[in-house]
Amino acid sequence: MSKVLIKKGETLKIFTDGAARGNPGPAACAFLFVHDNIIIHHGVSYIGEATNNHAEYQAIINALIAVESFHKGHLQIFSDSNLAIQQINKKWKINYPHLLKLCNKVYQLSEKYEKVEFFYIKRNNQFIQKCDKLCNDKLDDEGFFK
């Protein structure tokens, strides 16, 4: 995919998903950068043994790292993980130290950008479904079949 720079004042939408086969189990995470309803970049990673919640957070972290070379302005991040989004938005308590550490990493990375907003979105969203497919294809490629 060719690199599209987002103009100052524009908003870049980021869709993320994480998946684990077993909980914990082999896990992957993925993200899409969407501008004007077009996917301009994607990333997917195998992250080893992890819980589904860890994979969801890792997808957000990976996206925040990758987006720096695209846009440093307004980001809207969408995830189908209600837990991660509510914790990041400080609506729900974080009960596990490993999730607190991941959440703090999200806050640290978010400071690099003009504005970052986090939204829960249902998994029937077309971009979330594409992220899910990237995760599952990655796990298949790694030899972890359903």
C-alpha atoms as a PDB file:
ATOM      1  CA  MET A   1       0.000   0.000   0.000  1.00  0.00           C
ATOM      2  CA  SER A   2       1.293   3.417  -0.861  1.00  0.00           C
ATOM      3  CA  LYS A   3       1.829   5.806   1.983  1.00  0.00           C
ATOM      4  CA  VAL A   4      -0.844   8.474   2.253  1.00  0.00           C
ATOM      5  CA  LEU A   5      -0.060  11.439   4.440  1.00  0.00           C
ATOM      6  CA  ILE A   6      -3.025  12.839   6.293  1.00  0.00           C
ATOM      7  CA  LYS A   7      -3.335  16.616   6.148  1.00  0.00           C
ATOM      8  CA  LYS A   8      -3.185  18.786   9.246  1.00  0.00           C
ATOM      9  CA  GLY A   9      -6.656  19.150  10.709  1.00  0.00           C
ATOM     10  CA  GLU A  10      -7.908  15.840   9.311  1.00  0.00           C
ATOM     11  CA  THR A  11      -8.835  12.816  11.408  1.00  0.00           C
ATOM     12  CA  LEU A  12      -7.371   9.371  10.811  1.00  0.00           C
ATOM     13  CA  LYS A  13      -9.516   6.415  11.844  1.00  0.00           C
ATOM     14  CA  ILE A  14      -7.814   3.310  13.188  1.00  0.00           C
ATOM     15  CA  PHE A  15      -9.564  -0.034  13.621  1.00  0.00           C
ATOM     16  CA  THR A  16      -7.982  -2.718  15.809  1.00  0.00           C
ATOM     17  CA  ASP A  17      -8.574  -6.311  16.827  1.00  0.00           C
ATOM     18  CA  GLY A  18      -6.843  -9.029  18.789  1.00  0.00           C
ATOM     19  CA  ALA A  19      -7.456 -12.759  18.837  1.00  0.00           C
ATOM     20  CA  ALA A  20      -6.282 -15.667  20.946  1.00  0.00           C
ATOM     21  CA  ARG A  21      -6.967 -19.335  20.292  1.00  0.00           C
ATOM     22  CA  GLY A  22      -7.494 -20.413  23.841  1.00  0.00           C
ATOM     23  CA  ASN A  23      -7.422 -17.904  26.669  1.00  0.00           C
ATOM     24  CA  PRO A  24      -4.491 -17.721  27.026  1.00  0.00           C
ATOM     25  CA  GLY A  25      -3.273 -19.246  23.807  1.00  0.00           C
ATOM     26  CA  PRO A  26      -1.504 -18.396  20.573  1.00  0.00           C
ATOM     27  CA  ALA A  27      -2.458 -14.791  19.813  1.00  0.00           C
ATOM     28  CA  ALA A  28      -2.319 -12.210  17.052  1.00  0.00           C
ATOM     29  CA  CYS A  29      -3.324  -8.592  16.657  1.00  0.00           C
ATOM     30  CA  ALA A  30      -4.091  -6.350  13.702  1.00  0.00           C
ATOM     31  CA  PHE A  31      -4.933  -2.774  12.796  1.00  0.00           C
ATOM     32  CA  LEU A  32      -6.156  -0.794   9.797  1.00  0.00           C
ATOM     33  CA  PHE A  33      -5.658   2.896   9.045  1.00  0.00           C
ATOM     34  CA  VAL A  34      -8.740   4.212   7.261  1.00  0.00           C
ATOM     35  CA  HIS A  35      -8.926   7.604   5.565  1.00  0.00           C
ATOM     36  CA  ASP A  36     -11.967   8.708   3.530  1.00  0.00           C
ATOM     37  CA  ASN A  37     -13.376   5.189   4.060  1.00  0.00           C
ATOM     38  CA  ILE A  38     -10.355   3.645   2.284  1.00  0.00           C
ATOM     39  CA  ILE A  39      -7.806   1.369   3.965  1.00  0.00           C
ATOM     40  CA  ILE A  40      -4.463   3.110   3.505  1.00  0.00           C
ATOM     41  CA  HIS A  41      -2.295   0.857   5.680  1.00  0.00           C
ATOM     42  CA  HIS A  42      -2.554  -2.290   7.791  1.00  0.00           C
ATOM     43  CA  GLY A  43      -0.429  -4.260  10.184  1.00  0.00           C
ATOM     44  CA  VAL A  44      -0.691  -7.703  11.725  1.00  0.00           C
ATOM     45  CA  SER A  45       1.544  -9.480  14.246  1.00  0.00           C
ATOM     46  CA  TYR A  46       1.800 -12.838  15.928  1.00  0.00           C
ATOM     47  CA  ILE A  47       2.421 -12.047  19.604  1.00  0.00           C
ATOM     48  CA  GLY A  48       2.893 -15.522  21.091  1.00  0.00           C
ATOM     49  CA  GLU A  49       0.975 -16.857  24.076  1.00  0.00           C
ATOM     50  CA  ALA A  50      -1.452 -14.233  25.381  1.00  0.00           C
ATOM     51  CA  THR A  51      -5.002 -13.651  26.546  1.00  0.00           C
ATOM     52  CA  ASN A  52      -7.586 -12.158  24.237  1.00  0.00           C
ATOM     53  CA  ASN A  53      -7.578  -8.936  26.293  1.00  0.00           C
ATOM     54  CA  HIS A  54      -3.798  -8.673  25.998  1.00  0.00           C
ATOM     55  CA  ALA A  55      -4.086  -9.123  22.205  1.00  0.00           C
ATOM     56  CA  GLU A  56      -6.734  -6.373  22.022  1.00  0.00           C
ATOM     57  CA  TYR A  57      -4.479  -3.934  23.897  1.00  0.00           C
ATOM     58  CA  GLN A  58      -1.445  -4.951  21.829  1.00  0.00           C
ATOM     59  CA  ALA A  59      -3.332  -4.146  18.614  1.00  0.00           C
ATOM     60  CA  ILE A  60      -3.948  -0.592  19.892  1.00  0.00           C
ATOM     61  CA  ILE A  61      -0.309  -0.223  20.979  1.00  0.00           C
ATOM     62  CA  ASN A  62       1.031  -1.478  17.638  1.00  0.00           C
ATOM     63  CA  ALA A  63      -1.270   0.924  15.782  1.00  0.00           C
ATOM     64  CA  LEU A  64      -0.131   3.883  17.914  1.00  0.00           C
ATOM     65  CA  ILE A  65       3.492   3.038  17.145  1.00  0.00           C
ATOM     66  CA  ALA A  66       2.939   2.565  13.406  1.00  0.00           C
ATOM     67  CA  VAL A  67       0.757   5.640  12.872  1.00  0.00           C
ATOM     68  CA  GLU A  68       3.516   8.065  13.853  1.00  0.00           C
ATOM     69  CA  SER A  69       4.906   8.112  10.307  1.00  0.00           C
ATOM     70  CA  PHE A  70       1.427   8.805   8.860  1.00  0.00           C
ATOM     71  CA  HIS A  71      -0.207  11.391  11.075  1.00  0.00           C
ATOM     72  CA  LYS A  72       0.469  13.144  14.377  1.00  0.00           C
ATOM     73  CA  GLY A  73      -2.851  14.967  14.605  1.00  0.00           C
ATOM     74  CA  HIS A  74      -6.313  13.709  15.514  1.00  0.00           C
ATOM     75  CA  LEU A  75      -6.748   9.933  15.784  1.00  0.00           C
ATOM     76  CA  GLN A  76      -9.939   7.999  16.396  1.00  0.00           C
ATOM     77  CA  ILE A  77      -9.271   4.418  17.489  1.00  0.00           C
ATOM     78  CA  PHE A  78     -12.040   1.825  17.250  1.00  0.00           C
ATOM     79  CA  SER A  79     -12.032  -1.603  18.904  1.00  0.00           C
ATOM     80  CA  ASP A  80     -14.599  -4.313  19.496  1.00  0.00           C
ATOM     81  CA  SER A  81     -13.072  -4.857  22.951  1.00  0.00           C
ATOM     82  CA  ASN A  82     -15.451  -3.097  25.306  1.00  0.00           C
ATOM     83  CA  LEU A  83     -13.131  -3.960  28.198  1.00  0.00           C
ATOM     84  CA  ALA A  84     -10.052  -2.305  26.662  1.00  0.00           C
ATOM     85  CA  ILE A  85     -11.946   0.796  25.526  1.00  0.00           C
ATOM     86  CA  GLN A  86     -13.753   1.306  28.846  1.00  0.00           C
ATOM     87  CA  GLN A  87     -10.481   0.845  30.753  1.00  0.00           C
ATOM     88  CA  ILE A  88      -8.569   3.229  28.481  1.00  0.00           C
ATOM     89  CA  ASN A  89     -11.384   5.787  28.836  1.00  0.00           C
ATOM     90  CA  LYS A  90     -11.156   5.357  32.640  1.00  0.00           C
ATOM     91  CA  LYS A  91     -14.760   4.161  32.937  1.00  0.00           C
ATOM     92  CA  TRP A  92     -13.853   0.689  34.235  1.00  0.00           C
ATOM     93  CA  LYS A  93     -11.309  -0.347  36.851  1.00  0.00           C
ATOM     94  CA  ILE A  94      -8.286  -2.360  35.753  1.00  0.00           C
ATOM     95  CA  ASN A  95      -7.969  -5.431  37.991  1.00  0.00           C
ATOM     96  CA  TYR A  96      -4.908  -7.099  36.456  1.00  0.00           C
ATOM     97  CA  PRO A  97      -1.379  -5.642  36.626  1.00  0.00           C
ATOM     98  CA  HIS A  98      -0.456  -6.807  33.100  1.00  0.00           C
ATOM     99  CA  LEU A  99      -3.475  -4.943  31.649  1.00  0.00           C
ATOM    100  CA  LEU A 100      -2.634  -1.846  33.706  1.00  0.00           C
ATOM    101  CA  LYS A 101       0.866  -1.902  32.228  1.00  0.00           C
ATOM    102  CA  LEU A 102      -0.565  -2.150  28.690  1.00  0.00           C
ATOM    103  CA  CYS A 103      -3.070   0.632  29.380  1.00  0.00           C
ATOM    104  CA  ASN A 104      -0.291   2.887  30.652  1.00  0.00           C
ATOM    105  CA  LYS A 105       1.659   2.174  27.442  1.00  0.00           C
ATOM    106  CA  VAL A 106      -1.402   3.327  25.455  1.00  0.00           C
ATOM    107  CA  TYR A 107      -1.457   6.581  27.468  1.00  0.00           C
ATOM    108  CA  GLN A 108       2.285   7.102  26.960  1.00  0.00           C
ATOM    109  CA  LEU A 109       2.074   6.577  23.190  1.00  0.00           C
ATOM    110  CA  SER A 110      -1.046   8.757  22.907  1.00  0.00           C
ATOM    111  CA  GLU A 111       0.899  11.756  24.203  1.00  0.00           C
ATOM    112  CA  LYS A 112       2.727  11.957  20.844  1.00  0.00           C
ATOM    113  CA  TYR A 113      -0.462  12.974  19.047  1.00  0.00           C
ATOM    114  CA  GLU A 114      -2.596  16.093  18.986  1.00  0.00           C
ATOM    115  CA  LYS A 115      -5.756  14.248  20.053  1.00  0.00           C
ATOM    116  CA  VAL A 116      -6.574  10.547  20.474  1.00  0.00           C
ATOM    117  CA  GLU A 117     -10.085   9.254  21.083  1.00  0.00           C
ATOM    118  CA  PHE A 118     -11.058   5.657  21.802  1.00  0.00           C
ATOM    119  CA  PHE A 119     -14.385   4.126  20.790  1.00  0.00           C
ATOM    120  CA  TYR A 120     -16.044   0.767  21.282  1.00  0.00           C
ATOM    121  CA  ILE A 121     -17.582  -0.549  18.054  1.00  0.00           C
ATOM    122  CA  LYS A 122     -19.504  -3.755  17.416  1.00  0.00           C
ATOM    123  CA  ARG A 123     -17.705  -6.605  15.690  1.00  0.00           C
ATOM    124  CA  ASN A 124     -20.056  -6.507  12.712  1.00  0.00           C
ATOM    125  CA  ASN A 125     -18.246  -3.367  11.457  1.00  0.00           C
ATOM    126  CA  GLN A 126     -16.593  -4.109   8.096  1.00  0.00           C
ATOM    127  CA  PHE A 127     -13.172  -2.834   9.214  1.00  0.00           C
ATOM    128  CA  ILE A 128     -13.242  -4.785  12.482  1.00  0.00           C
ATOM    129  CA  GLN A 129     -14.130  -7.887  10.461  1.00  0.00           C
ATOM    130  CA  LYS A 130     -11.102  -7.267   8.203  1.00  0.00           C
ATOM    131  CA  CYS A 131      -8.878  -6.953  11.292  1.00  0.00           C
ATOM    132  CA  ASP A 132     -10.330 -10.194  12.644  1.00  0.00           C
ATOM    133  CA  LYS A 133      -9.562 -11.941   9.350  1.00  0.00           C
ATOM    134  CA  LEU A 134      -5.970 -10.640   9.431  1.00  0.00           C
ATOM    135  CA  CYS A 135      -5.582 -12.043  12.968  1.00  0.00           C
ATOM    136  CA  ASN A 136      -7.036 -15.428  12.065  1.00  0.00           C
ATOM    137  CA  ASP A 137      -5.026 -15.694   8.845  1.00  0.00           C
ATOM    138  CA  LYS A 138      -1.865 -14.888  10.831  1.00  0.00           C
ATOM    139  CA  LEU A 139      -2.637 -17.591  13.405  1.00  0.00           C
ATOM    140  CA  ASP A 140      -3.287 -20.077  10.571  1.00  0.00           C
ATOM    141  CA  ASP A 141       0.039 -19.064   8.954  1.00  0.00           C
ATOM    142  CA  GLU A 142       1.788 -19.714  12.279  1.00  0.00           C
ATOM    143  CA  GLY A 143       0.295 -23.231  12.328  1.00  0.00           C
ATOM    144  CA  PHE A 144      -2.394 -22.641  14.959  1.00  0.00           C
ATOM    145  CA  PHE A 145      -5.556 -23.840  13.252  1.00  0.00           C
ATOM    146  CA  LYS A 146      -9.056 -23.584  14.718  1.00  0.00           C
END
